[in-house]
PDB file of N, CA and C in Angstrom:
ATOM      1  N   MET A   1     -16.412 -19.669   5.699  1.00  0.00           N
ATOM      2  CA  MET A   1     -16.421 -18.872   4.485  1.00  0.00           C
ATOM      3  C   MET A   1     -15.644 -17.567   4.647  1.00  0.00           C
ATOM      4  N   LEU A   2     -15.706 -16.965   5.822  1.00  0.00           N
ATOM      5  CA  LEU A   2     -15.035 -15.693   6.056  1.00  0.00           C
ATOM      6  C   LEU A   2     -13.513 -15.852   6.061  1.00  0.00           C
ATOM      7  N   THR A   3     -13.028 -16.956   6.572  1.00  0.00           N
ATOM      8  CA  THR A   3     -11.585 -17.152   6.689  1.00  0.00           C
ATOM      9  C   THR A   3     -10.873 -17.120   5.332  1.00  0.00           C
ATOM     10  N   PRO A   4     -11.336 -17.883   4.335  1.00  0.00           N
ATOM     11  CA  PRO A   4     -10.639 -17.816   3.039  1.00  0.00           C
ATOM     12  C   PRO A   4     -10.696 -16.427   2.401  1.00  0.00           C
ATOM     13  N   VAL A   5     -11.812 -15.748   2.554  1.00  0.00           N
ATOM     14  CA  VAL A   5     -11.944 -14.401   1.990  1.00  0.00           C
ATOM     15  C   VAL A   5     -10.964 -13.450   2.676  1.00  0.00           C
ATOM     16  N   ALA A   6     -10.903 -13.499   3.997  1.00  0.00           N
ATOM     17  CA  ALA A   6     -10.017 -12.612   4.759  1.00  0.00           C
ATOM     18  C   ALA A   6      -8.557 -12.850   4.396  1.00  0.00           C
ATOM     19  N   TYR A   7      -8.154 -14.112   4.359  1.00  0.00           N
ATOM     20  CA  TYR A   7      -6.761 -14.424   4.036  1.00  0.00           C
ATOM     21  C   TYR A   7      -6.438 -14.082   2.583  1.00  0.00           C
ATOM     22  N   THR A   8      -7.329 -14.384   1.667  1.00  0.00           N
ATOM     23  CA  THR A   8      -7.084 -14.090   0.255  1.00  0.00           C
ATOM     24  C   THR A   8      -6.923 -12.593   0.039  1.00  0.00           C
ATOM     25  N   LEU A   9      -7.814 -11.800   0.619  1.00  0.00           N
ATOM     26  CA  LEU A   9      -7.702 -10.346   0.482  1.00  0.00           C
ATOM     27  C   LEU A   9      -6.394  -9.858   1.088  1.00  0.00           C
ATOM     28  N   GLY A  10      -6.034 -10.391   2.246  1.00  0.00           N
ATOM     29  CA  GLY A  10      -4.767 -10.015   2.873  1.00  0.00           C
ATOM     30  C   GLY A  10      -3.576 -10.320   1.978  1.00  0.00           C
ATOM     31  N   TYR A  11      -3.548 -11.527   1.411  1.00  0.00           N
ATOM     32  CA  TYR A  11      -2.439 -11.900   0.527  1.00  0.00           C
ATOM     33  C   TYR A  11      -2.415 -11.051  -0.744  1.00  0.00           C
ATOM     34  N   VAL A  12      -3.566 -10.746  -1.289  1.00  0.00           N
ATOM     35  CA  VAL A  12      -3.628  -9.917  -2.503  1.00  0.00           C
ATOM     36  C   VAL A  12      -3.084  -8.520  -2.212  1.00  0.00           C
ATOM     37  N   LEU A  13      -3.480  -7.934  -1.097  1.00  0.00           N
ATOM     38  CA  LEU A  13      -2.989  -6.597  -0.751  1.00  0.00           C
ATOM     39  C   LEU A  13      -1.484  -6.609  -0.497  1.00  0.00           C
ATOM     40  N   ILE A  14      -1.007  -7.659   0.147  1.00  0.00           N
ATOM     41  CA  ILE A  14       0.429  -7.771   0.397  1.00  0.00           C
ATOM     42  C   ILE A  14       1.189  -7.907  -0.921  1.00  0.00           C
ATOM     43  N   ALA A  15       0.688  -8.735  -1.826  1.00  0.00           N
ATOM     44  CA  ALA A  15       1.337  -8.888  -3.132  1.00  0.00           C
ATOM     45  C   ALA A  15       1.349  -7.555  -3.876  1.00  0.00           C
ATOM     46  N   PHE A  16       0.256  -6.812  -3.758  1.00  0.00           N
ATOM     47  CA  PHE A  16       0.141  -5.532  -4.431  1.00  0.00           C
ATOM     48  C   PHE A  16       1.187  -4.538  -3.923  1.00  0.00           C
ATOM     49  N   ILE A  17       1.370  -4.442  -2.602  1.00  0.00           N
ATOM     50  CA  ILE A  17       2.337  -3.472  -2.071  1.00  0.00           C
ATOM     51  C   ILE A  17       3.761  -3.919  -2.371  1.00  0.00           C
ATOM     52  N   LEU A  18       3.996  -5.245  -2.419  1.00  0.00           N
ATOM     53  CA  LEU A  18       5.319  -5.727  -2.828  1.00  0.00           C
ATOM     54  C   LEU A  18       5.601  -5.347  -4.281  1.00  0.00           C
ATOM     55  N   PHE A  19       4.601  -5.472  -5.142  1.00  0.00           N
ATOM     56  CA  PHE A  19       4.742  -5.076  -6.541  1.00  0.00           C
ATOM     57  C   PHE A  19       5.037  -3.581  -6.656  1.00  0.00           C
ATOM     58  N   ILE A  20       4.290  -2.772  -5.911  1.00  0.00           N
ATOM     59  CA  ILE A  20       4.498  -1.317  -5.961  1.00  0.00           C
ATOM     60  C   ILE A  20       5.908  -0.979  -5.495  1.00  0.00           C
ATOM     61  N   GLY A  21       6.346  -1.599  -4.405  1.00  0.00           N
ATOM     62  CA  GLY A  21       7.704  -1.357  -3.916  1.00  0.00           C
ATOM     63  C   GLY A  21       8.750  -1.728  -4.944  1.00  0.00           C
ATOM     64  N   ALA A  22       8.582  -2.889  -5.565  1.00  0.00           N
ATOM     65  CA  ALA A  22       9.533  -3.322  -6.588  1.00  0.00           C
ATOM     66  C   ALA A  22       9.531  -2.352  -7.770  1.00  0.00           C
ATOM     67  N   ARG A  23       8.360  -1.879  -8.124  1.00  0.00           N
ATOM     68  CA  ARG A  23       8.267  -0.940  -9.245  1.00  0.00           C
ATOM     69  C   ARG A  23       9.015   0.355  -8.933  1.00  0.00           C
ATOM     70  N   PHE A  24       8.913   0.840  -7.705  1.00  0.00           N
ATOM     71  CA  PHE A  24       9.654   2.050  -7.329  1.00  0.00           C
ATOM     72  C   PHE A  24      11.158   1.806  -7.327  1.00  0.00           C
ATOM     73  N   LEU A  25      11.583   0.571  -7.107  1.00  0.00           N
ATOM     74  CA  LEU A  25      13.011   0.261  -7.146  1.00  0.00           C
ATOM     75  C   LEU A  25      13.521   0.128  -8.579  1.00  0.00           C
ATOM     76  N   TYR A  26      12.725  -0.469  -9.472  1.00  0.00           N
ATOM     77  CA  TYR A  26      13.198  -0.779 -10.822  1.00  0.00           C
ATOM     78  C   TYR A  26      12.730   0.186 -11.907  1.00  0.00           C
ATOM     79  N   ALA A  27      11.643   0.883 -11.688  1.00  0.00           N
ATOM     80  CA  ALA A  27      11.142   1.875 -12.658  1.00  0.00           C
ATOM     81  C   ALA A  27      10.590   3.070 -11.890  1.00  0.00           C
ATOM     82  N   PRO A  28      11.467   3.789 -11.201  1.00  0.00           N
ATOM     83  CA  PRO A  28      10.993   4.840 -10.280  1.00  0.00           C
ATOM     84  C   PRO A  28      10.200   5.968 -10.933  1.00  0.00           C
ATOM     85  N   GLN A  29      10.597   6.411 -12.111  1.00  0.00           N
ATOM     86  CA  GLN A  29       9.881   7.516 -12.755  1.00  0.00           C
ATOM     87  C   GLN A  29       8.463   7.097 -13.136  1.00  0.00           C
ATOM     88  N   ALA A  30       8.329   5.900 -13.691  1.00  0.00           N
ATOM     89  CA  ALA A  30       7.003   5.389 -14.060  1.00  0.00           C
ATOM     90  C   ALA A  30       6.150   5.161 -12.813  1.00  0.00           C
ATOM     91  N   ALA A  31       6.760   4.644 -11.757  1.00  0.00           N
ATOM     92  CA  ALA A  31       6.020   4.396 -10.523  1.00  0.00           C
ATOM     93  C   ALA A  31       5.522   5.704  -9.918  1.00  0.00           C
ATOM     94  N   ALA A  32       6.362   6.727  -9.947  1.00  0.00           N
ATOM     95  CA  ALA A  32       5.954   8.029  -9.405  1.00  0.00           C
ATOM     96  C   ALA A  32       4.795   8.612 -10.206  1.00  0.00           C
ATOM     97  N   ALA A  33       4.842   8.455 -11.511  1.00  0.00           N
ATOM     98  CA  ALA A  33       3.739   8.947 -12.343  1.00  0.00           C
ATOM     99  C   ALA A  33       2.456   8.191 -12.017  1.00  0.00           C
ATOM    100  N   GLY A  34       2.555   6.890 -11.818  1.00  0.00           N
ATOM    101  CA  GLY A  34       1.389   6.089 -11.450  1.00  0.00           C
ATOM    102  C   GLY A  34       0.857   6.430 -10.080  1.00  0.00           C
ATOM    103  N   TYR A  35       1.729   6.884  -9.205  1.00  0.00           N
ATOM    104  CA  TYR A  35       1.342   7.297  -7.860  1.00  0.00           C
ATOM    105  C   TYR A  35       0.424   8.515  -7.905  1.00  0.00           C
ATOM    106  N   GLY A  36       0.628   9.357  -8.913  1.00  0.00           N
ATOM    107  CA  GLY A  36      -0.229  10.531  -9.055  1.00  0.00           C
ATOM    108  C   GLY A  36       0.497  11.850  -8.953  1.00  0.00           C
ATOM    109  N   VAL A  37       1.773  11.803  -8.582  1.00  0.00           N
ATOM    110  CA  VAL A  37       2.592  13.002  -8.521  1.00  0.00           C
ATOM    111  C   VAL A  37       3.919  12.662  -9.200  1.00  0.00           C
ATOM    112  N   PRO A  38       4.019  12.941 -10.504  1.00  0.00           N
ATOM    113  CA  PRO A  38       5.245  12.574 -11.216  1.00  0.00           C
ATOM    114  C   PRO A  38       6.485  13.210 -10.597  1.00  0.00           C
ATOM    115  N   ALA A  39       7.584  12.464 -10.620  1.00  0.00           N
ATOM    116  CA  ALA A  39       8.855  12.977 -10.111  1.00  0.00           C
ATOM    117  C   ALA A  39       9.501  13.851 -11.173  1.00  0.00           C
ATOM    118  N   LYS A  40      10.249  14.818 -10.728  1.00  0.00           N
ATOM    119  CA  LYS A  40      10.986  15.669 -11.658  1.00  0.00           C
ATOM    120  C   LYS A  40      12.114  14.846 -12.274  1.00  0.00           C
ATOM    121  N   ALA A  41      12.318  15.026 -13.547  1.00  0.00           N
ATOM    122  CA  ALA A  41      13.346  14.251 -14.258  1.00  0.00           C
ATOM    123  C   ALA A  41      14.732  14.469 -13.666  1.00  0.00           C
ATOM    124  N   ASP A  42      15.006  15.677 -13.187  1.00  0.00           N
ATOM    125  CA  ASP A  42      16.317  15.977 -12.615  1.00  0.00           C
ATOM    126  C   ASP A  42      16.315  15.894 -11.081  1.00  0.00           C
ATOM    127  N   GLY A  43      15.240  15.320 -10.517  1.00  0.00           N
ATOM    128  CA  GLY A  43      15.136  15.196  -9.069  1.00  0.00           C
ATOM    129  C   GLY A  43      16.053  14.114  -8.517  1.00  0.00           C
ATOM    130  N   ASP A  44      16.133  14.043  -7.216  1.00  0.00           N
ATOM    131  CA  ASP A  44      16.979  13.073  -6.537  1.00  0.00           C
ATOM    132  C   ASP A  44      16.291  11.709  -6.530  1.00  0.00           C
ATOM    133  N   PRO A  45      16.813  10.733  -7.262  1.00  0.00           N
ATOM    134  CA  PRO A  45      16.172   9.412  -7.335  1.00  0.00           C
ATOM    135  C   PRO A  45      16.223   8.636  -6.017  1.00  0.00           C
ATOM    136  N   ALA A  46      17.030   9.092  -5.091  1.00  0.00           N
ATOM    137  CA  ALA A  46      17.128   8.386  -3.808  1.00  0.00           C
ATOM    138  C   ALA A  46      15.780   8.347  -3.097  1.00  0.00           C
ATOM    139  N   TYR A  47      14.990   9.389  -3.209  1.00  0.00           N
ATOM    140  CA  TYR A  47      13.700   9.418  -2.520  1.00  0.00           C
ATOM    141  C   TYR A  47      12.722   8.402  -3.100  1.00  0.00           C
ATOM    142  N   LEU A  48      12.796   8.178  -4.397  1.00  0.00           N
ATOM    143  CA  LEU A  48      11.939   7.170  -5.004  1.00  0.00           C
ATOM    144  C   LEU A  48      12.401   5.773  -4.585  1.00  0.00           C
ATOM    145  N   THR A  49      13.695   5.575  -4.462  1.00  0.00           N
ATOM    146  CA  THR A  49      14.234   4.301  -3.996  1.00  0.00           C
ATOM    147  C   THR A  49      13.825   4.047  -2.550  1.00  0.00           C
ATOM    148  N   ILE A  50      13.859   5.087  -1.743  1.00  0.00           N
ATOM    149  CA  ILE A  50      13.429   4.962  -0.347  1.00  0.00           C
ATOM    150  C   ILE A  50      11.969   4.521  -0.288  1.00  0.00           C
ATOM    151  N   LYS A  51      11.122   5.128  -1.100  1.00  0.00           N
ATOM    152  CA  LYS A  51       9.712   4.743  -1.113  1.00  0.00           C
ATOM    153  C   LYS A  51       9.567   3.278  -1.494  1.00  0.00           C
ATOM    154  N   GLY A  52      10.294   2.839  -2.492  1.00  0.00           N
ATOM    155  CA  GLY A  52      10.233   1.441  -2.901  1.00  0.00           C
ATOM    156  C   GLY A  52      10.661   0.499  -1.789  1.00  0.00           C
ATOM    157  N   LEU A  53      11.748   0.829  -1.129  1.00  0.00           N
ATOM    158  CA  LEU A  53      12.239  -0.008  -0.039  1.00  0.00           C
ATOM    159  C   LEU A  53      11.233  -0.070   1.109  1.00  0.00           C
ATOM    160  N   ARG A  54      10.643   1.049   1.443  1.00  0.00           N
ATOM    161  CA  ARG A  54       9.664   1.071   2.543  1.00  0.00           C
ATOM    162  C   ARG A  54       8.391   0.323   2.181  1.00  0.00           C
ATOM    163  N   ASP A  55       7.944   0.421   0.942  1.00  0.00           N
ATOM    164  CA  ASP A  55       6.784  -0.361   0.513  1.00  0.00           C
ATOM    165  C   ASP A  55       7.098  -1.856   0.560  1.00  0.00           C
ATOM    166  N   MET A  56       8.287  -2.226   0.103  1.00  0.00           N
ATOM    167  CA  MET A  56       8.683  -3.636   0.151  1.00  0.00           C
ATOM    168  C   MET A  56       8.724  -4.127   1.604  1.00  0.00           C
ATOM    169  N   ALA A  57       9.274  -3.318   2.493  1.00  0.00           N
ATOM    170  CA  ALA A  57       9.349  -3.698   3.902  1.00  0.00           C
ATOM    171  C   ALA A  57       7.947  -3.867   4.491  1.00  0.00           C
ATOM    172  N   SER A  58       7.029  -2.975   4.141  1.00  0.00           N
ATOM    173  CA  SER A  58       5.650  -3.118   4.627  1.00  0.00           C
ATOM    174  C   SER A  58       5.038  -4.430   4.150  1.00  0.00           C
ATOM    175  N   GLY A  59       5.291  -4.779   2.907  1.00  0.00           N
ATOM    176  CA  GLY A  59       4.771  -6.034   2.374  1.00  0.00           C
ATOM    177  C   GLY A  59       5.363  -7.240   3.067  1.00  0.00           C
ATOM    178  N   VAL A  60       6.661  -7.220   3.306  1.00  0.00           N
ATOM    179  CA  VAL A  60       7.322  -8.345   3.976  1.00  0.00           C
ATOM    180  C   VAL A  60       6.820  -8.477   5.416  1.00  0.00           C
ATOM    181  N   ILE A  61       6.657  -7.371   6.107  1.00  0.00           N
ATOM    182  CA  ILE A  61       6.139  -7.411   7.481  1.00  0.00           C
ATOM    183  C   ILE A  61       4.716  -7.960   7.494  1.00  0.00           C
ATOM    184  N   GLY A  62       3.877  -7.462   6.591  1.00  0.00           N
ATOM    185  CA  GLY A  62       2.508  -7.961   6.511  1.00  0.00           C
ATOM    186  C   GLY A  62       2.465  -9.445   6.215  1.00  0.00           C
ATOM    187  N   LEU A  63       3.302  -9.898   5.302  1.00  0.00           N
ATOM    188  CA  LEU A  63       3.357 -11.317   4.952  1.00  0.00           C
ATOM    189  C   LEU A  63       3.813 -12.156   6.139  1.00  0.00           C
ATOM    190  N   ALA A  64       4.847 -11.694   6.826  1.00  0.00           N
ATOM    191  CA  ALA A  64       5.337 -12.423   7.996  1.00  0.00           C
ATOM    192  C   ALA A  64       4.253 -12.524   9.068  1.00  0.00           C
ATOM    193  N   LEU A  65       3.543 -11.449   9.296  1.00  0.00           N
ATOM    194  CA  LEU A  65       2.471 -11.485  10.292  1.00  0.00           C
ATOM    195  C   LEU A  65       1.359 -12.445   9.884  1.00  0.00           C
ATOM    196  N   LEU A  66       0.964 -12.378   8.630  1.00  0.00           N
ATOM    197  CA  LEU A  66      -0.123 -13.234   8.154  1.00  0.00           C
ATOM    198  C   LEU A  66       0.269 -14.715   8.217  1.00  0.00           C
ATOM    199  N   VAL A  67       1.504 -15.015   7.845  1.00  0.00           N
ATOM    200  CA  VAL A  67       1.947 -16.410   7.803  1.00  0.00           C
ATOM    201  C   VAL A  67       2.294 -16.941   9.199  1.00  0.00           C
ATOM    202  N   PHE A  68       3.021 -16.156   9.982  1.00  0.00           N
ATOM    203  CA  PHE A  68       3.566 -16.674  11.233  1.00  0.00           C
ATOM    204  C   PHE A  68       2.813 -16.259  12.495  1.00  0.00           C
ATOM    205  N   ALA A  69       2.140 -15.113  12.471  1.00  0.00           N
ATOM    206  CA  ALA A  69       1.455 -14.651  13.677  1.00  0.00           C
ATOM    207  C   ALA A  69      -0.051 -14.838  13.596  1.00  0.00           C
ATOM    208  N   GLY A  70      -0.586 -14.963  12.392  1.00  0.00           N
ATOM    209  CA  GLY A  70      -2.005 -15.232  12.237  1.00  0.00           C
ATOM    210  C   GLY A  70      -2.833 -14.023  11.875  1.00  0.00           C
ATOM    211  N   ALA A  71      -4.107 -14.295  11.720  1.00  0.00           N
ATOM    212  CA  ALA A  71      -5.049 -13.302  11.223  1.00  0.00           C
ATOM    213  C   ALA A  71      -5.201 -12.110  12.165  1.00  0.00           C
ATOM    214  N   HIS A  72      -5.216 -12.350  13.454  1.00  0.00           N
ATOM    215  CA  HIS A  72      -5.445 -11.254  14.404  1.00  0.00           C
ATOM    216  C   HIS A  72      -4.327 -10.204  14.308  1.00  0.00           C
ATOM    217  N   ALA A  73      -3.080 -10.670  14.362  1.00  0.00           N
ATOM    218  CA  ALA A  73      -1.944  -9.738  14.269  1.00  0.00           C
ATOM    219  C   ALA A  73      -1.930  -9.039  12.914  1.00  0.00           C
ATOM    220  N   ALA A  74      -2.189  -9.792  11.850  1.00  0.00           N
ATOM    221  CA  ALA A  74      -2.212  -9.202  10.514  1.00  0.00           C
ATOM    222  C   ALA A  74      -3.348  -8.187  10.383  1.00  0.00           C
ATOM    223  N   GLY A  75      -4.476  -8.454  11.032  1.00  0.00           N
ATOM    224  CA  GLY A  75      -5.596  -7.518  11.003  1.00  0.00           C
ATOM    225  C   GLY A  75      -5.238  -6.186  11.628  1.00  0.00           C
ATOM    226  N   TRP A  76      -4.583  -6.237  12.787  1.00  0.00           N
ATOM    227  CA  TRP A  76      -4.161  -4.988  13.428  1.00  0.00           C
ATOM    228  C   TRP A  76      -3.132  -4.258  12.574  1.00  0.00           C
ATOM    229  N   PHE A  77      -2.245  -5.019  11.944  1.00  0.00           N
ATOM    230  CA  PHE A  77      -1.266  -4.415  11.039  1.00  0.00           C
ATOM    231  C   PHE A  77      -1.973  -3.693   9.895  1.00  0.00           C
ATOM    232  N   MET A  78      -2.950  -4.348   9.294  1.00  0.00           N
ATOM    233  CA  MET A  78      -3.681  -3.740   8.168  1.00  0.00           C
ATOM    234  C   MET A  78      -4.370  -2.446   8.601  1.00  0.00           C
ATOM    235  N   LEU A  79      -4.987  -2.470   9.770  1.00  0.00           N
ATOM    236  CA  LEU A  79      -5.654  -1.252  10.245  1.00  0.00           C
ATOM    237  C   LEU A  79      -4.643  -0.131  10.463  1.00  0.00           C
ATOM    238  N   ALA A  80      -3.496  -0.468  11.027  1.00  0.00           N
ATOM    239  CA  ALA A  80      -2.474   0.552  11.279  1.00  0.00           C
ATOM    240  C   ALA A  80      -1.875   1.079   9.980  1.00  0.00           C
ATOM    241  N   VAL A  81      -1.582   0.182   9.050  1.00  0.00           N
ATOM    242  CA  VAL A  81      -0.924   0.590   7.811  1.00  0.00           C
ATOM    243  C   VAL A  81      -1.884   1.303   6.853  1.00  0.00           C
ATOM    244  N   ALA A  82      -3.182   1.260   7.114  1.00  0.00           N
ATOM    245  CA  ALA A  82      -4.152   1.983   6.279  1.00  0.00           C
ATOM    246  C   ALA A  82      -3.917   3.483   6.314  1.00  0.00           C
ATOM    247  N   VAL A  83      -3.189   3.945   7.313  1.00  0.00           N
ATOM    248  CA  VAL A  83      -2.838   5.364   7.402  1.00  0.00           C
ATOM    249  C   VAL A  83      -2.048   5.786   6.157  1.00  0.00           C
ATOM    250  N   VAL A  84      -1.269   4.874   5.588  1.00  0.00           N
ATOM    251  CA  VAL A  84      -0.424   5.219   4.438  1.00  0.00           C
ATOM    252  C   VAL A  84      -1.264   5.606   3.213  1.00  0.00           C
ATOM    253  N   PRO A  85      -2.192   4.772   2.738  1.00  0.00           N
ATOM    254  CA  PRO A  85      -2.956   5.213   1.566  1.00  0.00           C
ATOM    255  C   PRO A  85      -3.883   6.403   1.853  1.00  0.00           C
ATOM    256  N   PHE A  86      -4.350   6.534   3.102  1.00  0.00           N
ATOM    257  CA  PHE A  86      -5.111   7.747   3.430  1.00  0.00           C
ATOM    258  C   PHE A  86      -4.202   8.968   3.285  1.00  0.00           C
ATOM    259  N   GLY A  87      -2.982   8.859   3.790  1.00  0.00           N
ATOM    260  CA  GLY A  87      -2.012   9.948   3.646  1.00  0.00           C
ATOM    261  C   GLY A  87      -1.644  10.200   2.202  1.00  0.00           C
ATOM    262  N   ASP A  88      -1.506   9.128   1.421  1.00  0.00           N
ATOM    263  CA  ASP A  88      -1.210   9.276  -0.005  1.00  0.00           C
ATOM    264  C   ASP A  88      -2.305  10.067  -0.715  1.00  0.00           C
ATOM    265  N   THR A  89      -3.547   9.857  -0.302  1.00  0.00           N
ATOM    266  CA  THR A  89      -4.661  10.624  -0.874  1.00  0.00           C
ATOM    267  C   THR A  89      -4.414  12.111  -0.681  1.00  0.00           C
ATOM    268  N   LEU A  90      -4.063  12.489   0.528  1.00  0.00           N
ATOM    269  CA  LEU A  90      -3.819  13.904   0.833  1.00  0.00           C
ATOM    270  C   LEU A  90      -2.593  14.445   0.102  1.00  0.00           C
ATOM    271  N   ILE A  91      -1.553  13.623   0.006  1.00  0.00           N
ATOM    272  CA  ILE A  91      -0.335  14.057  -0.689  1.00  0.00           C
ATOM    273  C   ILE A  91      -0.635  14.354  -2.153  1.00  0.00           C
ATOM    274  N   VAL A  92      -1.346  13.453  -2.812  1.00  0.00           N
ATOM    275  CA  VAL A  92      -1.672  13.654  -4.227  1.00  0.00           C
ATOM    276  C   VAL A  92      -2.506  14.926  -4.393  1.00  0.00           C
ATOM    277  N   LEU A  93      -3.504  15.117  -3.544  1.00  0.00           N
ATOM    278  CA  LEU A  93      -4.351  16.316  -3.645  1.00  0.00           C
ATOM    279  C   LEU A  93      -3.546  17.583  -3.382  1.00  0.00           C
ATOM    280  N   ARG A  94      -2.684  17.537  -2.406  1.00  0.00           N
ATOM    281  CA  ARG A  94      -1.927  18.725  -1.993  1.00  0.00           C
ATOM    282  C   ARG A  94      -0.871  19.131  -3.025  1.00  0.00           C
ATOM    283  N   HIS A  95      -0.398  18.157  -3.797  1.00  0.00           N
ATOM    284  CA  HIS A  95       0.689  18.445  -4.734  1.00  0.00           C
ATOM    285  C   HIS A  95       0.259  18.436  -6.190  1.00  0.00           C
ATOM    286  N   GLY A  96      -1.013  18.755  -6.421  1.00  0.00           N
ATOM    287  CA  GLY A  96      -1.480  18.984  -7.769  1.00  0.00           C
ATOM    288  C   GLY A  96      -1.862  17.748  -8.561  1.00  0.00           C
ATOM    289  N   GLY A  97      -1.931  16.601  -7.921  1.00  0.00           N
ATOM    290  CA  GLY A  97      -2.367  15.402  -8.623  1.00  0.00           C
ATOM    291  C   GLY A  97      -3.867  15.440  -8.851  1.00  0.00           C
ATOM    292  N   SER A  98      -4.342  14.528  -9.664  1.00  0.00           N
ATOM    293  CA  SER A  98      -5.765  14.536  -9.989  1.00  0.00           C
ATOM    294  C   SER A  98      -6.603  13.955  -8.849  1.00  0.00           C
ATOM    295  N   ARG A  99      -7.808  14.468  -8.739  1.00  0.00           N
ATOM    296  CA  ARG A  99      -8.742  13.952  -7.732  1.00  0.00           C
ATOM    297  C   ARG A  99      -9.102  12.497  -8.041  1.00  0.00           C
ATOM    298  N   ALA A 100      -9.147  12.155  -9.323  1.00  0.00           N
ATOM    299  CA  ALA A 100      -9.477  10.783  -9.718  1.00  0.00           C
ATOM    300  C   ALA A 100      -8.440   9.806  -9.183  1.00  0.00           C
ATOM    301  N   VAL A 101      -7.169  10.156  -9.287  1.00  0.00           N
ATOM    302  CA  VAL A 101      -6.107   9.294  -8.760  1.00  0.00           C
ATOM    303  C   VAL A 101      -6.149   9.286  -7.241  1.00  0.00           C
ATOM    304  N   ALA A 102      -6.309  10.455  -6.645  1.00  0.00           N
ATOM    305  CA  ALA A 102      -6.317  10.544  -5.185  1.00  0.00           C
ATOM    306  C   ALA A 102      -7.411   9.671  -4.574  1.00  0.00           C
ATOM    307  N   PHE A 103      -8.619   9.800  -5.126  1.00  0.00           N
ATOM    308  CA  PHE A 103      -9.736   9.046  -4.541  1.00  0.00           C
ATOM    309  C   PHE A 103      -9.908   7.670  -5.169  1.00  0.00           C
ATOM    310  N   GLY A 104      -9.696   7.575  -6.479  1.00  0.00           N
ATOM    311  CA  GLY A 104      -9.916   6.314  -7.171  1.00  0.00           C
ATOM    312  C   GLY A 104      -8.854   5.267  -6.899  1.00  0.00           C
ATOM    313  N   ILE A 105      -7.646   5.707  -6.582  1.00  0.00           N
ATOM    314  CA  ILE A 105      -6.573   4.755  -6.274  1.00  0.00           C
ATOM    315  C   ILE A 105      -6.281   4.746  -4.776  1.00  0.00           C
ATOM    316  N   HIS A 106      -5.833   5.872  -4.249  1.00  0.00           N
ATOM    317  CA  HIS A 106      -5.337   5.900  -2.871  1.00  0.00           C
ATOM    318  C   HIS A 106      -6.442   5.760  -1.822  1.00  0.00           C
ATOM    319  N   PHE A 107      -7.489   6.553  -1.939  1.00  0.00           N
ATOM    320  CA  PHE A 107      -8.563   6.467  -0.947  1.00  0.00           C
ATOM    321  C   PHE A 107      -9.264   5.112  -1.030  1.00  0.00           C
ATOM    322  N   ALA A 108      -9.508   4.649  -2.258  1.00  0.00           N
ATOM    323  CA  ALA A 108     -10.148   3.333  -2.426  1.00  0.00           C
ATOM    324  C   ALA A 108      -9.271   2.229  -1.842  1.00  0.00           C
ATOM    325  N   THR A 109      -7.963   2.339  -2.027  1.00  0.00           N
ATOM    326  CA  THR A 109      -7.047   1.359  -1.437  1.00  0.00           C
ATOM    327  C   THR A 109      -7.137   1.391   0.086  1.00  0.00           C
ATOM    328  N   ALA A 110      -7.178   2.585   0.653  1.00  0.00           N
ATOM    329  CA  ALA A 110      -7.278   2.708   2.107  1.00  0.00           C
ATOM    330  C   ALA A 110      -8.532   2.017   2.634  1.00  0.00           C
ATOM    331  N   VAL A 111      -9.627   2.207   1.943  1.00  0.00           N
ATOM    332  CA  VAL A 111     -10.885   1.579   2.361  1.00  0.00           C
ATOM    333  C   VAL A 111     -10.770   0.056   2.293  1.00  0.00           C
ATOM    334  N   VAL A 112     -10.161  -0.458   1.238  1.00  0.00           N
ATOM    335  CA  VAL A 112     -10.001  -1.909   1.090  1.00  0.00           C
ATOM    336  C   VAL A 112      -9.054  -2.454   2.156  1.00  0.00           C
ATOM    337  N   VAL A 113      -8.007  -1.714   2.484  1.00  0.00           N
ATOM    338  CA  VAL A 113      -7.072  -2.152   3.532  1.00  0.00           C
ATOM    339  C   VAL A 113      -7.783  -2.186   4.885  1.00  0.00           C
ATOM    340  N   VAL A 114      -8.596  -1.193   5.171  1.00  0.00           N
ATOM    341  CA  VAL A 114      -9.375  -1.206   6.422  1.00  0.00           C
ATOM    342  C   VAL A 114     -10.328  -2.393   6.435  1.00  0.00           C
ATOM    343  N   LEU A 115     -11.003  -2.630   5.335  1.00  0.00           N
ATOM    344  CA  LEU A 115     -11.896  -3.783   5.232  1.00  0.00           C
ATOM    345  C   LEU A 115     -11.137  -5.085   5.464  1.00  0.00           C
ATOM    346  N   SER A 116      -9.952  -5.201   4.874  1.00  0.00           N
ATOM    347  CA  SER A 116      -9.136  -6.385   5.068  1.00  0.00           C
ATOM    348  C   SER A 116      -8.774  -6.553   6.546  1.00  0.00           C
ATOM    349  N   GLY A 117      -8.401  -5.471   7.187  1.00  0.00           N
ATOM    350  CA  GLY A 117      -8.062  -5.535   8.605  1.00  0.00           C
ATOM    351  C   GLY A 117      -9.228  -5.999   9.446  1.00  0.00           C
ATOM    352  N   ILE A 118     -10.390  -5.482   9.163  1.00  0.00           N
ATOM    353  CA  ILE A 118     -11.601  -5.876   9.902  1.00  0.00           C
ATOM    354  C   ILE A 118     -11.908  -7.345   9.681  1.00  0.00           C
ATOM    355  N   LEU A 119     -11.839  -7.789   8.428  1.00  0.00           N
ATOM    356  CA  LEU A 119     -12.111  -9.201   8.136  1.00  0.00           C
ATOM    357  C   LEU A 119     -11.125 -10.112   8.841  1.00  0.00           C
ATOM    358  N   LEU A 120      -9.846  -9.731   8.830  1.00  0.00           N
ATOM    359  CA  LEU A 120      -8.847 -10.557   9.507  1.00  0.00           C
ATOM    360  C   LEU A 120      -9.072 -10.588  11.012  1.00  0.00           C
ATOM    361  N   LEU A 121      -9.540  -9.502  11.583  1.00  0.00           N
ATOM    362  CA  LEU A 121      -9.825  -9.491  13.029  1.00  0.00           C
ATOM    363  C   LEU A 121     -11.045 -10.346  13.363  1.00  0.00           C
ATOM    364  N   LEU A 122     -11.948 -10.493  12.414  1.00  0.00           N
ATOM    365  CA  LEU A 122     -13.146 -11.293  12.644  1.00  0.00           C
ATOM    366  C   LEU A 122     -12.934 -12.796  12.501  1.00  0.00           C
ATOM    367  N   VAL A 123     -11.802 -13.181  11.918  1.00  0.00           N
ATOM    368  CA  VAL A 123     -11.520 -14.605  11.691  1.00  0.00           C
ATOM    369  C   VAL A 123     -11.163 -15.266  13.011  1.00  0.00           C
TER     370      VAL A 123
END
């Protein structure tokens, strides 16, 4: 019973980060607003593109680990990559974003990613 839950959660989180990365590539201003710290209209769009590319790369790496290396490797990856949404929580708070977004989106995501990592390590 634990195996399907662990893998399903892993795949859902990977799909989610791939979606976020794609959104930063194709609709960067909207993605930045959804992140919790809107980008300046006259700002350098390269930084939003970089974020999209890095999110996509994280998703592809996670997917490759889950498919080809197995649950154990993917579990360690999830635990390591959980640093990103924890950091996003701090970034949103530090740059004037709402506490609801910081904790309701980023911190909650970090907790779910840690849970996913633990479940994958237990499989």
